[in-house]
Amino acid sequence: MAYDPALFKGESMNAAVRLSVLLLVPSLAAAAPPASTEREPGVQWEQTVEMEMSGFSMPAQTTKVCVPKRGMTEPPGSGRKDDKCKVSNVRNVGNKMSWTMVCEGEEKMSGEGEIVQQPDGYDGKMTMRTAQGEMLMKMRGKKLGGDCDAGEMRRQVAAVQAESAAQVGKMCSDMATQVAVSAFTGPQPVCKAPADRATLCKRAATRDGVITLSAQPASATGGLSSLCGKNLEAMKAEVCADAGRHEAERRCSDGSDKLLSFIGQSCPAQTQVVAQRECAGRTYTDLTTCYRSFCTSYAADLLDKGKKPAPQPPKADDAAIEAAKKAAKGFLPF
């Protein structure tokens, strides 16, 4: 059957790609320790891996690798420093090697494999069972000849892994600063470092953090409570109370514009207090300079609400709206 990309998205794609990479370079498992920088005598090989899952197949992937001259002495993946996947029941009978493998963690897998080696090539297969179904990996190798450094690929892989880890670390650090909750939540979060989680929660509890979170859709902040122990409304209430105290103490000092803007946008209760104290009963020219923008916005909001008819409003509410509109017009500059 033809390759259908839709079948390999999400979990299935993650498992398939990780396992294919593991099998494409089996020589790494049998090579010298990764820390070694010495040249290791090797021979060029051509290796091909095919993958089938749920009756569909991915195109064969062929690559050239440098295999140590001593050959493949262990199953693919057995030398990885990854405690999530464990190889066991390794048996060598003649030129045939077989084994079983179990992978724990987020992508649980189990299966078995075998390789039949010849002087100038090998054929093998590996069957893995995942939550998405059974996956069959077919692999074959052909000796090309030619001297090479078997440790070079290992060093390149290590360098790529290190660079990738650094990039993910930088990305997650930025995500924490940007209060991107969805990057840290869900069944398989992209970012997991405790330090980044602590940074996100600390920033989420600040004025800037609350503003950032308030601008995001509810679906993007739904995991905030499980991540930080408080939901957005609780954080907003705490930050608003603190902002209200600061505003009452500072009264037109440096930074009051930002503080008043935050209160007006995010803190209804504190907005009412400030409006009653600084705006009510005053005309635009009577307003203290630093409160003009706040009171103007507050009045405009009242007028806007007055223009929106409520469903079957009581007469008392109509009267209250008209009174608010008259009061607001008193200090609007038009």
C-alpha atoms as a PDB file:
ATOM      1  CA  MET A   1       0.000   0.000   0.000  1.00  0.00           C
ATOM      2  CA  ALA A   2       1.048   3.615  -0.479  1.00  0.00           C
ATOM      3  CA  TYR A   3       2.390   5.745   2.327  1.00  0.00           C
ATOM      4  CA  ASP A   4      -0.345   7.761   4.053  1.00  0.00           C
ATOM      5  CA  PRO A   5       1.172  10.677   6.080  1.00  0.00           C
ATOM      6  CA  ALA A   6      -1.965  11.027   8.183  1.00  0.00           C
ATOM      7  CA  LEU A   7      -1.356   7.668   9.801  1.00  0.00           C
ATOM      8  CA  PHE A   8       2.017   8.697  11.140  1.00  0.00           C
ATOM      9  CA  LYS A   9       1.127  11.943  12.888  1.00  0.00           C
ATOM     10  CA  GLY A  10       1.220  12.519  16.640  1.00  0.00           C
ATOM     11  CA  GLU A  11       2.107   9.579  18.826  1.00  0.00           C
ATOM     12  CA  SER A  12       2.595   7.128  15.981  1.00  0.00           C
ATOM     13  CA  MET A  13       4.999   9.426  14.185  1.00  0.00           C
ATOM     14  CA  ASN A  14       7.055  10.018  17.330  1.00  0.00           C
ATOM     15  CA  ALA A  15       7.452   6.329  18.029  1.00  0.00           C
ATOM     16  CA  ALA A  16       8.163   5.449  14.417  1.00  0.00           C
ATOM     17  CA  VAL A  17      10.789   8.114  13.861  1.00  0.00           C
ATOM     18  CA  ARG A  18      12.613   7.443  17.109  1.00  0.00           C
ATOM     19  CA  LEU A  19      12.765   3.737  16.460  1.00  0.00           C
ATOM     20  CA  SER A  20      13.831   4.148  12.839  1.00  0.00           C
ATOM     21  CA  VAL A  21      16.723   6.385  13.890  1.00  0.00           C
ATOM     22  CA  LEU A  22      17.734   3.788  16.450  1.00  0.00           C
ATOM     23  CA  LEU A  23      17.832   1.065  13.795  1.00  0.00           C
ATOM     24  CA  LEU A  24      19.388   3.060  10.995  1.00  0.00           C
ATOM     25  CA  VAL A  25      22.697   3.260  12.827  1.00  0.00           C
ATOM     26  CA  PRO A  26      23.085  -0.052  14.676  1.00  0.00           C
ATOM     27  CA  SER A  27      26.840   0.327  14.463  1.00  0.00           C
ATOM     28  CA  LEU A  28      26.703   2.995  17.125  1.00  0.00           C
ATOM     29  CA  ALA A  29      25.524   0.511  19.696  1.00  0.00           C
ATOM     30  CA  ALA A  30      28.548  -1.697  19.181  1.00  0.00           C
ATOM     31  CA  ALA A  31      31.113   1.074  18.882  1.00  0.00           C
ATOM     32  CA  ALA A  32      33.507   2.474  21.437  1.00  0.00           C
ATOM     33  CA  PRO A  33      32.282   4.663  24.325  1.00  0.00           C
ATOM     34  CA  PRO A  34      30.816   7.990  23.115  1.00  0.00           C
ATOM     35  CA  ALA A  35      33.390  10.034  25.050  1.00  0.00           C
ATOM     36  CA  SER A  36      36.249   8.634  22.952  1.00  0.00           C
ATOM     37  CA  THR A  37      37.778  11.072  20.466  1.00  0.00           C
ATOM     38  CA  GLU A  38      40.249   8.577  19.016  1.00  0.00           C
ATOM     39  CA  ARG A  39      39.890   7.297  15.484  1.00  0.00           C
ATOM     40  CA  GLU A  40      38.309   3.847  15.338  1.00  0.00           C
ATOM     41  CA  PRO A  41      39.017   1.675  12.282  1.00  0.00           C
ATOM     42  CA  GLY A  42      35.833   1.073  10.343  1.00  0.00           C
ATOM     43  CA  VAL A  43      34.368  -0.054   7.006  1.00  0.00           C
ATOM     44  CA  GLN A  44      31.727   1.724   4.896  1.00  0.00           C
ATOM     45  CA  TRP A  45      28.333   0.023   4.810  1.00  0.00           C
ATOM     46  CA  GLU A  46      25.023   0.847   3.165  1.00  0.00           C
ATOM     47  CA  GLN A  47      22.027   0.292   5.416  1.00  0.00           C
ATOM     48  CA  THR A  48      18.325   0.401   4.558  1.00  0.00           C
ATOM     49  CA  VAL A  49      15.321   0.447   6.862  1.00  0.00           C
ATOM     50  CA  GLU A  50      11.662   0.005   5.892  1.00  0.00           C
ATOM     51  CA  MET A  51       8.751   0.574   8.223  1.00  0.00           C
ATOM     52  CA  GLU A  52       5.186  -0.753   8.135  1.00  0.00           C
ATOM     53  CA  MET A  53       2.358   0.095  10.493  1.00  0.00           C
ATOM     54  CA  SER A  54      -1.374  -0.667  10.390  1.00  0.00           C
ATOM     55  CA  GLY A  55      -1.029  -2.077   6.877  1.00  0.00           C
ATOM     56  CA  PHE A  56       0.692   1.020   5.503  1.00  0.00           C
ATOM     57  CA  SER A  57       4.357   1.512   4.765  1.00  0.00           C
ATOM     58  CA  MET A  58       6.809   4.391   4.836  1.00  0.00           C
ATOM     59  CA  PRO A  59       9.391   4.754   2.056  1.00  0.00           C
ATOM     60  CA  ALA A  60      12.639   2.874   2.608  1.00  0.00           C
ATOM     61  CA  GLN A  61      15.402   4.986   4.121  1.00  0.00           C
ATOM     62  CA  THR A  62      18.925   4.231   2.944  1.00  0.00           C
ATOM     63  CA  THR A  63      22.069   5.699   4.417  1.00  0.00           C
ATOM     64  CA  LYS A  64      25.804   5.063   4.430  1.00  0.00           C
ATOM     65  CA  VAL A  65      27.439   4.440   7.766  1.00  0.00           C
ATOM     66  CA  CYS A  66      30.857   3.533   9.015  1.00  0.00           C
ATOM     67  CA  VAL A  67      30.673   0.259  10.913  1.00  0.00           C
ATOM     68  CA  PRO A  68      33.546  -0.818  13.204  1.00  0.00           C
ATOM     69  CA  LYS A  69      35.665  -3.524  11.579  1.00  0.00           C
ATOM     70  CA  ARG A  70      34.902  -5.829  14.469  1.00  0.00           C
ATOM     71  CA  GLY A  71      31.300  -5.842  13.261  1.00  0.00           C
ATOM     72  CA  MET A  72      27.981  -5.695  15.071  1.00  0.00           C
ATOM     73  CA  THR A  73      28.223  -7.621  18.317  1.00  0.00           C
ATOM     74  CA  GLU A  74      25.115  -6.299  20.099  1.00  0.00           C
ATOM     75  CA  PRO A  75      21.488  -5.670  19.083  1.00  0.00           C
ATOM     76  CA  PRO A  76      20.547  -2.209  17.788  1.00  0.00           C
ATOM     77  CA  GLY A  77      19.948   0.160  20.678  1.00  0.00           C
ATOM     78  CA  SER A  78      21.522  -1.945  23.423  1.00  0.00           C
ATOM     79  CA  GLY A  79      24.387   0.487  23.863  1.00  0.00           C
ATOM     80  CA  ARG A  80      22.241   3.625  24.141  1.00  0.00           C
ATOM     81  CA  LYS A  81      22.375   5.595  27.354  1.00  0.00           C
ATOM     82  CA  ASP A  82      18.602   5.558  27.595  1.00  0.00           C
ATOM     83  CA  ASP A  83      17.084   3.764  30.547  1.00  0.00           C
ATOM     84  CA  LYS A  84      13.609   3.965  28.989  1.00  0.00           C
ATOM     85  CA  CYS A  85      14.403   1.174  26.518  1.00  0.00           C
ATOM     86  CA  LYS A  86      15.968  -2.052  27.718  1.00  0.00           C
ATOM     87  CA  VAL A  87      17.254  -4.890  25.551  1.00  0.00           C
ATOM     88  CA  SER A  88      17.233  -8.403  27.005  1.00  0.00           C
ATOM     89  CA  ASN A  89      17.202 -12.091  26.076  1.00  0.00           C
ATOM     90  CA  VAL A  90      20.065 -11.613  23.623  1.00  0.00           C
ATOM     91  CA  ARG A  91      20.960 -14.886  21.903  1.00  0.00           C
ATOM     92  CA  ASN A  92      23.707 -15.570  19.384  1.00  0.00           C
ATOM     93  CA  VAL A  93      23.329 -18.872  17.514  1.00  0.00           C
ATOM     94  CA  GLY A  94      25.676 -19.203  14.562  1.00  0.00           C
ATOM     95  CA  ASN A  95      25.306 -16.084  12.440  1.00  0.00           C
ATOM     96  CA  LYS A  96      21.882 -15.238  13.861  1.00  0.00           C
ATOM     97  CA  MET A  97      21.344 -12.805  16.728  1.00  0.00           C
ATOM     98  CA  SER A  98      17.941 -12.310  18.390  1.00  0.00           C
ATOM     99  CA  TRP A  99      16.685 -10.178  21.273  1.00  0.00           C
ATOM    100  CA  THR A 100      13.642  -8.610  22.950  1.00  0.00           C
ATOM    101  CA  MET A 101      13.117  -4.955  23.873  1.00  0.00           C
ATOM    102  CA  VAL A 102      10.805  -3.063  26.240  1.00  0.00           C
ATOM    103  CA  CYS A 103      10.465   0.736  26.279  1.00  0.00           C
ATOM    104  CA  GLU A 104       8.810   2.502  29.216  1.00  0.00           C
ATOM    105  CA  GLY A 105       7.899   6.162  29.625  1.00  0.00           C
ATOM    106  CA  GLU A 106       5.423   8.165  27.569  1.00  0.00           C
ATOM    107  CA  GLU A 107       5.734   5.944  24.499  1.00  0.00           C
ATOM    108  CA  LYS A 108       5.468   2.408  25.806  1.00  0.00           C
ATOM    109  CA  MET A 109       6.636  -0.245  23.351  1.00  0.00           C
ATOM    110  CA  SER A 110       7.635  -3.871  23.443  1.00  0.00           C
ATOM    111  CA  GLY A 111       8.828  -6.293  20.821  1.00  0.00           C
ATOM    112  CA  GLU A 112      11.526  -8.554  19.478  1.00  0.00           C
ATOM    113  CA  GLY A 113      14.069  -8.560  16.679  1.00  0.00           C
ATOM    114  CA  GLU A 114      16.605 -10.669  14.842  1.00  0.00           C
ATOM    115  CA  ILE A 115      19.545 -10.160  12.483  1.00  0.00           C
ATOM    116  CA  VAL A 116      21.258 -12.715  10.264  1.00  0.00           C
ATOM    117  CA  GLN A 117      24.788 -11.619   9.445  1.00  0.00           C
ATOM    118  CA  GLN A 118      26.897 -12.552   6.427  1.00  0.00           C
ATOM    119  CA  PRO A 119      30.483 -11.501   5.647  1.00  0.00           C
ATOM    120  CA  ASP A 120      29.298  -8.832   3.218  1.00  0.00           C
ATOM    121  CA  GLY A 121      25.824  -8.031   4.480  1.00  0.00           C
ATOM    122  CA  TYR A 122      22.974  -8.709   6.858  1.00  0.00           C
ATOM    123  CA  ASP A 123      19.171  -8.927   6.945  1.00  0.00           C
ATOM    124  CA  GLY A 124      16.988  -8.365   9.943  1.00  0.00           C
ATOM    125  CA  LYS A 125      13.605  -7.375  11.231  1.00  0.00           C
ATOM    126  CA  MET A 126      12.101  -5.994  14.384  1.00  0.00           C
ATOM    127  CA  THR A 127       8.475  -6.034  15.503  1.00  0.00           C
ATOM    128  CA  MET A 128       7.328  -3.428  18.012  1.00  0.00           C
ATOM    129  CA  ARG A 129       3.894  -3.152  19.615  1.00  0.00           C
ATOM    130  CA  THR A 130       2.628   0.285  20.652  1.00  0.00           C
ATOM    131  CA  ALA A 131      -0.679   1.758  21.777  1.00  0.00           C
ATOM    132  CA  GLN A 132      -1.297   2.677  18.134  1.00  0.00           C
ATOM    133  CA  GLY A 133      -0.752  -0.838  16.833  1.00  0.00           C
ATOM    134  CA  GLU A 134       2.030  -3.095  15.621  1.00  0.00           C
ATOM    135  CA  MET A 135       5.032  -1.728  13.768  1.00  0.00           C
ATOM    136  CA  LEU A 136       7.371  -3.829  11.626  1.00  0.00           C
ATOM    137  CA  MET A 137      10.894  -2.652  10.862  1.00  0.00           C
ATOM    138  CA  LYS A 138      12.832  -4.415   8.094  1.00  0.00           C
ATOM    139  CA  MET A 139      16.547  -3.716   7.800  1.00  0.00           C
ATOM    140  CA  ARG A 140      19.304  -4.837   5.522  1.00  0.00           C
ATOM    141  CA  GLY A 141      22.924  -3.917   5.118  1.00  0.00           C
ATOM    142  CA  LYS A 142      25.516  -4.248   2.393  1.00  0.00           C
ATOM    143  CA  LYS A 143      29.254  -3.895   2.857  1.00  0.00           C
ATOM    144  CA  LEU A 144      30.716  -1.311   0.482  1.00  0.00           C
ATOM    145  CA  GLY A 145      34.329  -1.408   1.626  1.00  0.00           C
ATOM    146  CA  GLY A 146      36.690   1.469   2.141  1.00  0.00           C
ATOM    147  CA  ASP A 147      38.359   2.600   5.365  1.00  0.00           C
ATOM    148  CA  CYS A 148      36.617   5.123   7.546  1.00  0.00           C
ATOM    149  CA  ASP A 149      36.449   6.395  11.121  1.00  0.00           C
ATOM    150  CA  ALA A 150      33.709   4.491  12.929  1.00  0.00           C
ATOM    151  CA  GLY A 151      33.744   7.029  15.747  1.00  0.00           C
ATOM    152  CA  GLU A 152      33.016  10.025  13.490  1.00  0.00           C
ATOM    153  CA  MET A 153      29.312   9.354  13.113  1.00  0.00           C
ATOM    154  CA  ARG A 154      28.989   8.742  16.826  1.00  0.00           C
ATOM    155  CA  ARG A 155      30.583  12.108  17.516  1.00  0.00           C
ATOM    156  CA  GLN A 156      28.329  13.785  14.948  1.00  0.00           C
ATOM    157  CA  VAL A 157      25.246  12.210  16.506  1.00  0.00           C
ATOM    158  CA  ALA A 158      26.377  13.342  19.958  1.00  0.00           C
ATOM    159  CA  ALA A 159      26.923  16.876  18.662  1.00  0.00           C
ATOM    160  CA  VAL A 160      23.484  16.979  17.034  1.00  0.00           C
ATOM    161  CA  GLN A 161      21.864  15.657  20.204  1.00  0.00           C
ATOM    162  CA  ALA A 162      23.659  18.252  22.309  1.00  0.00           C
ATOM    163  CA  GLU A 163      22.649  21.063  19.948  1.00  0.00           C
ATOM    164  CA  SER A 164      19.059  19.850  19.876  1.00  0.00           C
ATOM    165  CA  ALA A 165      18.938  19.688  23.672  1.00  0.00           C
ATOM    166  CA  ALA A 166      20.332  23.216  23.900  1.00  0.00           C
ATOM    167  CA  GLN A 167      17.745  24.514  21.435  1.00  0.00           C
ATOM    168  CA  VAL A 168      14.892  22.849  23.307  1.00  0.00           C
ATOM    169  CA  GLY A 169      16.257  24.232  26.578  1.00  0.00           C
ATOM    170  CA  LYS A 170      16.395  27.767  25.156  1.00  0.00           C
ATOM    171  CA  MET A 171      12.914  27.430  23.690  1.00  0.00           C
ATOM    172  CA  CYS A 172      11.446  26.211  26.988  1.00  0.00           C
ATOM    173  CA  SER A 173      13.171  29.012  28.873  1.00  0.00           C
ATOM    174  CA  ASP A 174      11.552  31.510  26.504  1.00  0.00           C
ATOM    175  CA  MET A 175       8.197  29.744  26.816  1.00  0.00           C
ATOM    176  CA  ALA A 176       8.373  30.063  30.593  1.00  0.00           C
ATOM    177  CA  THR A 177       9.102  33.783  30.360  1.00  0.00           C
ATOM    178  CA  GLN A 178       6.225  34.211  27.902  1.00  0.00           C
ATOM    179  CA  VAL A 179       3.891  32.278  30.267  1.00  0.00           C
ATOM    180  CA  ALA A 180       3.092  29.732  27.539  1.00  0.00           C
ATOM    181  CA  VAL A 181       1.192  27.300  29.776  1.00  0.00           C
ATOM    182  CA  SER A 182       0.353  24.828  26.996  1.00  0.00           C
ATOM    183  CA  ALA A 183       4.067  24.055  26.446  1.00  0.00           C
ATOM    184  CA  PHE A 184       4.237  22.651  30.002  1.00  0.00           C
ATOM    185  CA  THR A 185       0.926  20.797  30.227  1.00  0.00           C
ATOM    186  CA  GLY A 186      -0.888  17.951  28.511  1.00  0.00           C
ATOM    187  CA  PRO A 187      -0.117  14.229  28.212  1.00  0.00           C
ATOM    188  CA  GLN A 188       3.269  14.891  26.568  1.00  0.00           C
ATOM    189  CA  PRO A 189       4.470  18.411  27.416  1.00  0.00           C
ATOM    190  CA  VAL A 190       7.279  19.805  25.288  1.00  0.00           C
ATOM    191  CA  CYS A 191       8.885  21.472  28.318  1.00  0.00           C
ATOM    192  CA  LYS A 192       9.421  19.591  31.576  1.00  0.00           C
ATOM    193  CA  ALA A 193      12.347  21.180  33.457  1.00  0.00           C
ATOM    194  CA  PRO A 194      11.330  22.048  37.054  1.00  0.00           C
ATOM    195  CA  ALA A 195      13.311  25.295  36.877  1.00  0.00           C
ATOM    196  CA  ASP A 196      11.345  26.452  33.815  1.00  0.00           C
ATOM    197  CA  ARG A 197       8.059  25.497  35.442  1.00  0.00           C
ATOM    198  CA  ALA A 198       9.011  27.519  38.512  1.00  0.00           C
ATOM    199  CA  THR A 199       9.878  30.494  36.304  1.00  0.00           C
ATOM    200  CA  LEU A 200       6.520  30.298  34.524  1.00  0.00           C
ATOM    201  CA  CYS A 201       4.532  30.119  37.766  1.00  0.00           C
ATOM    202  CA  LYS A 202       6.477  32.993  39.299  1.00  0.00           C
ATOM    203  CA  ARG A 203       5.898  35.182  36.264  1.00  0.00           C
ATOM    204  CA  ALA A 204       2.240  34.142  35.999  1.00  0.00           C
ATOM    205  CA  ALA A 205       1.658  35.615  39.449  1.00  0.00           C
ATOM    206  CA  THR A 206       2.955  39.060  38.399  1.00  0.00           C
ATOM    207  CA  ARG A 207       1.059  41.957  36.859  1.00  0.00           C
ATOM    208  CA  ASP A 208       2.663  41.415  33.436  1.00  0.00           C
ATOM    209  CA  GLY A 209       2.015  37.688  33.682  1.00  0.00           C
ATOM    210  CA  VAL A 210      -1.674  38.164  34.454  1.00  0.00           C
ATOM    211  CA  ILE A 211      -2.017  40.588  31.536  1.00  0.00           C
ATOM    212  CA  THR A 212      -0.340  38.074  29.215  1.00  0.00           C
ATOM    213  CA  LEU A 213      -2.503  35.189  30.428  1.00  0.00           C
ATOM    214  CA  SER A 214      -5.699  37.256  30.239  1.00  0.00           C
ATOM    215  CA  ALA A 215      -5.048  37.876  26.542  1.00  0.00           C
ATOM    216  CA  GLN A 216      -4.816  34.142  25.808  1.00  0.00           C
ATOM    217  CA  PRO A 217      -7.814  31.887  25.051  1.00  0.00           C
ATOM    218  CA  ALA A 218      -9.109  29.756  27.898  1.00  0.00           C
ATOM    219  CA  SER A 219      -7.943  26.613  26.112  1.00  0.00           C
ATOM    220  CA  ALA A 220      -4.329  27.832  26.358  1.00  0.00           C
ATOM    221  CA  THR A 221      -4.459  28.484  30.105  1.00  0.00           C
ATOM    222  CA  GLY A 222      -6.565  25.525  31.200  1.00  0.00           C
ATOM    223  CA  GLY A 223      -3.591  23.668  32.699  1.00  0.00           C
ATOM    224  CA  LEU A 224      -2.429  26.597  34.833  1.00  0.00           C
ATOM    225  CA  SER A 225      -4.067  25.291  37.994  1.00  0.00           C
ATOM    226  CA  SER A 226      -2.391  21.874  37.828  1.00  0.00           C
ATOM    227  CA  LEU A 227       0.914  23.490  36.882  1.00  0.00           C
ATOM    228  CA  CYS A 228       1.069  26.255  39.485  1.00  0.00           C
ATOM    229  CA  GLY A 229      -1.579  25.352  42.056  1.00  0.00           C
ATOM    230  CA  LYS A 230      -3.715  28.424  41.221  1.00  0.00           C
ATOM    231  CA  ASN A 231      -6.042  29.238  38.362  1.00  0.00           C
ATOM    232  CA  LEU A 232      -6.009  32.499  36.422  1.00  0.00           C
ATOM    233  CA  GLU A 233      -8.888  34.064  38.334  1.00  0.00           C
ATOM    234  CA  ALA A 234      -7.156  33.467  41.676  1.00  0.00           C
ATOM    235  CA  MET A 235      -3.910  34.964  40.384  1.00  0.00           C
ATOM    236  CA  LYS A 236      -5.767  37.910  38.892  1.00  0.00           C
ATOM    237  CA  ALA A 237      -7.552  38.596  42.201  1.00  0.00           C
ATOM    238  CA  GLU A 238      -4.262  38.613  44.121  1.00  0.00           C
ATOM    239  CA  VAL A 239      -2.489  40.857  41.599  1.00  0.00           C
ATOM    240  CA  CYS A 240      -5.471  43.237  41.417  1.00  0.00           C
ATOM    241  CA  ALA A 241      -5.619  43.559  45.207  1.00  0.00           C
ATOM    242  CA  ASP A 242      -1.916  44.349  45.275  1.00  0.00           C
ATOM    243  CA  ALA A 243      -2.285  46.838  42.417  1.00  0.00           C
ATOM    244  CA  GLY A 244      -5.140  48.548  44.218  1.00  0.00           C
ATOM    245  CA  ARG A 245      -3.033  48.995  47.359  1.00  0.00           C
ATOM    246  CA  HIS A 246      -0.117  50.397  45.362  1.00  0.00           C
ATOM    247  CA  GLU A 247      -2.370  52.827  43.513  1.00  0.00           C
ATOM    248  CA  ALA A 248      -3.894  54.110  46.750  1.00  0.00           C
ATOM    249  CA  GLU A 249      -0.445  54.618  48.252  1.00  0.00           C
ATOM    250  CA  ARG A 250       1.320  56.139  45.228  1.00  0.00           C
ATOM    251  CA  ARG A 251      -1.463  58.364  43.794  1.00  0.00           C
ATOM    252  CA  CYS A 252      -0.026  59.845  40.604  1.00  0.00           C
ATOM    253  CA  SER A 253       3.609  58.908  41.273  1.00  0.00           C
ATOM    254  CA  ASP A 254       5.893  57.528  38.558  1.00  0.00           C
ATOM    255  CA  GLY A 255       4.423  54.572  36.719  1.00  0.00           C
ATOM    256  CA  SER A 256       0.837  55.429  37.639  1.00  0.00           C
ATOM    257  CA  ASP A 257      -0.303  55.360  33.988  1.00  0.00           C
ATOM    258  CA  LYS A 258       0.659  51.684  33.615  1.00  0.00           C
ATOM    259  CA  LEU A 259      -0.793  50.823  37.003  1.00  0.00           C
ATOM    260  CA  LEU A 260      -4.102  52.563  36.273  1.00  0.00           C
ATOM    261  CA  SER A 261      -4.240  51.005  32.824  1.00  0.00           C
ATOM    262  CA  PHE A 262      -3.856  47.541  34.329  1.00  0.00           C
ATOM    263  CA  ILE A 263      -6.527  48.223  36.950  1.00  0.00           C
ATOM    264  CA  GLY A 264      -8.917  49.532  34.306  1.00  0.00           C
ATOM    265  CA  GLN A 265      -8.395  46.492  32.065  1.00  0.00           C
ATOM    266  CA  SER A 266      -8.242  43.657  34.579  1.00  0.00           C
ATOM    267  CA  CYS A 267      -9.608  44.688  37.990  1.00  0.00           C
ATOM    268  CA  PRO A 268     -13.333  45.617  38.041  1.00  0.00           C
ATOM    269  CA  ALA A 269     -13.572  46.017  41.827  1.00  0.00           C
ATOM    270  CA  GLN A 270     -10.502  48.247  42.055  1.00  0.00           C
ATOM    271  CA  THR A 271     -11.689  50.212  39.011  1.00  0.00           C
ATOM    272  CA  GLN A 272     -14.897  51.094  40.838  1.00  0.00           C
ATOM    273  CA  VAL A 273     -12.962  52.310  43.887  1.00  0.00           C
ATOM    274  CA  VAL A 274     -10.636  54.537  41.868  1.00  0.00           C
ATOM    275  CA  ALA A 275     -13.473  55.872  39.682  1.00  0.00           C
ATOM    276  CA  GLN A 276     -15.592  56.773  42.682  1.00  0.00           C
ATOM    277  CA  ARG A 277     -12.691  58.565  44.338  1.00  0.00           C
ATOM    278  CA  GLU A 278     -11.129  60.358  41.348  1.00  0.00           C
ATOM    279  CA  CYS A 279     -13.772  60.599  38.601  1.00  0.00           C
ATOM    280  CA  ALA A 280     -17.248  60.939  40.076  1.00  0.00           C
ATOM    281  CA  GLY A 281     -18.749  64.442  40.035  1.00  0.00           C
ATOM    282  CA  ARG A 282     -15.852  66.018  38.122  1.00  0.00           C
ATOM    283  CA  THR A 283     -15.583  67.504  34.673  1.00  0.00           C
ATOM    284  CA  TYR A 284     -12.711  66.728  32.333  1.00  0.00           C
ATOM    285  CA  THR A 285     -10.869  69.949  33.249  1.00  0.00           C
ATOM    286  CA  ASP A 286     -11.307  69.223  36.966  1.00  0.00           C
ATOM    287  CA  LEU A 287      -9.569  65.835  36.718  1.00  0.00           C
ATOM    288  CA  THR A 288      -6.038  65.362  37.991  1.00  0.00           C
ATOM    289  CA  THR A 289      -3.797  65.018  34.940  1.00  0.00           C
ATOM    290  CA  CYS A 290      -2.670  61.442  35.621  1.00  0.00           C
ATOM    291  CA  TYR A 291      -6.303  60.291  36.079  1.00  0.00           C
ATOM    292  CA  ARG A 292      -7.696  61.869  32.907  1.00  0.00           C
ATOM    293  CA  SER A 293      -6.989  58.858  30.695  1.00  0.00           C
ATOM    294  CA  PHE A 294      -8.354  56.449  33.302  1.00  0.00           C
ATOM    295  CA  CYS A 295     -11.539  58.440  33.900  1.00  0.00           C
ATOM    296  CA  THR A 296     -12.094  59.030  30.178  1.00  0.00           C
ATOM    297  CA  SER A 297     -11.811  55.312  29.473  1.00  0.00           C
ATOM    298  CA  TYR A 298     -14.066  54.510  32.404  1.00  0.00           C
ATOM    299  CA  ALA A 299     -16.707  56.979  31.196  1.00  0.00           C
ATOM    300  CA  ALA A 300     -16.506  55.668  27.629  1.00  0.00           C
ATOM    301  CA  ASP A 301     -16.997  52.141  28.936  1.00  0.00           C
ATOM    302  CA  LEU A 302     -20.071  53.224  30.887  1.00  0.00           C
ATOM    303  CA  LEU A 303     -21.529  54.895  27.819  1.00  0.00           C
ATOM    304  CA  ASP A 304     -20.787  51.836  25.702  1.00  0.00           C
ATOM    305  CA  LYS A 305     -22.559  49.604  28.191  1.00  0.00           C
ATOM    306  CA  GLY A 306     -25.490  51.985  28.164  1.00  0.00           C
ATOM    307  CA  LYS A 307     -25.837  51.556  24.399  1.00  0.00           C
ATOM    308  CA  LYS A 308     -26.191  47.772  24.669  1.00  0.00           C
ATOM    309  CA  PRO A 309     -29.795  46.823  25.501  1.00  0.00           C
ATOM    310  CA  ALA A 310     -30.103  44.159  28.154  1.00  0.00           C
ATOM    311  CA  PRO A 311     -32.763  41.464  27.641  1.00  0.00           C
ATOM    312  CA  GLN A 312     -35.990  42.740  29.326  1.00  0.00           C
ATOM    313  CA  PRO A 313     -34.206  45.083  31.786  1.00  0.00           C
ATOM    314  CA  PRO A 314     -36.091  46.227  34.887  1.00  0.00           C
ATOM    315  CA  LYS A 315     -37.053  49.908  34.946  1.00  0.00           C
ATOM    316  CA  ALA A 316     -34.710  50.523  37.875  1.00  0.00           C
ATOM    317  CA  ASP A 317     -31.770  49.340  35.766  1.00  0.00           C
ATOM    318  CA  ASP A 318     -32.771  51.691  32.934  1.00  0.00           C
ATOM    319  CA  ALA A 319     -32.728  54.582  35.339  1.00  0.00           C
ATOM    320  CA  ALA A 320     -29.313  53.552  36.700  1.00  0.00           C
ATOM    321  CA  ILE A 321     -27.868  53.359  33.190  1.00  0.00           C
ATOM    322  CA  GLU A 322     -29.203  56.800  32.298  1.00  0.00           C
ATOM    323  CA  ALA A 323     -27.743  58.230  35.501  1.00  0.00           C
ATOM    324  CA  ALA A 324     -24.362  56.670  34.721  1.00  0.00           C
ATOM    325  CA  LYS A 325     -24.426  58.093  31.216  1.00  0.00           C
ATOM    326  CA  LYS A 326     -25.168  61.596  32.503  1.00  0.00           C
ATOM    327  CA  ALA A 327     -22.392  61.331  35.095  1.00  0.00           C
ATOM    328  CA  ALA A 328     -19.934  60.055  32.504  1.00  0.00           C
ATOM    329  CA  LYS A 329     -20.726  62.857  30.065  1.00  0.00           C
ATOM    330  CA  GLY A 330     -19.718  65.321  32.706  1.00  0.00           C
ATOM    331  CA  PHE A 331     -16.012  64.550  32.360  1.00  0.00           C
ATOM    332  CA  LEU A 332     -15.641  63.286  28.801  1.00  0.00           C
ATOM    333  CA  PRO A 333     -13.728  65.857  26.679  1.00  0.00           C
ATOM    334  CA  PHE A 334     -16.451  66.005  23.978  1.00  0.00           C
END
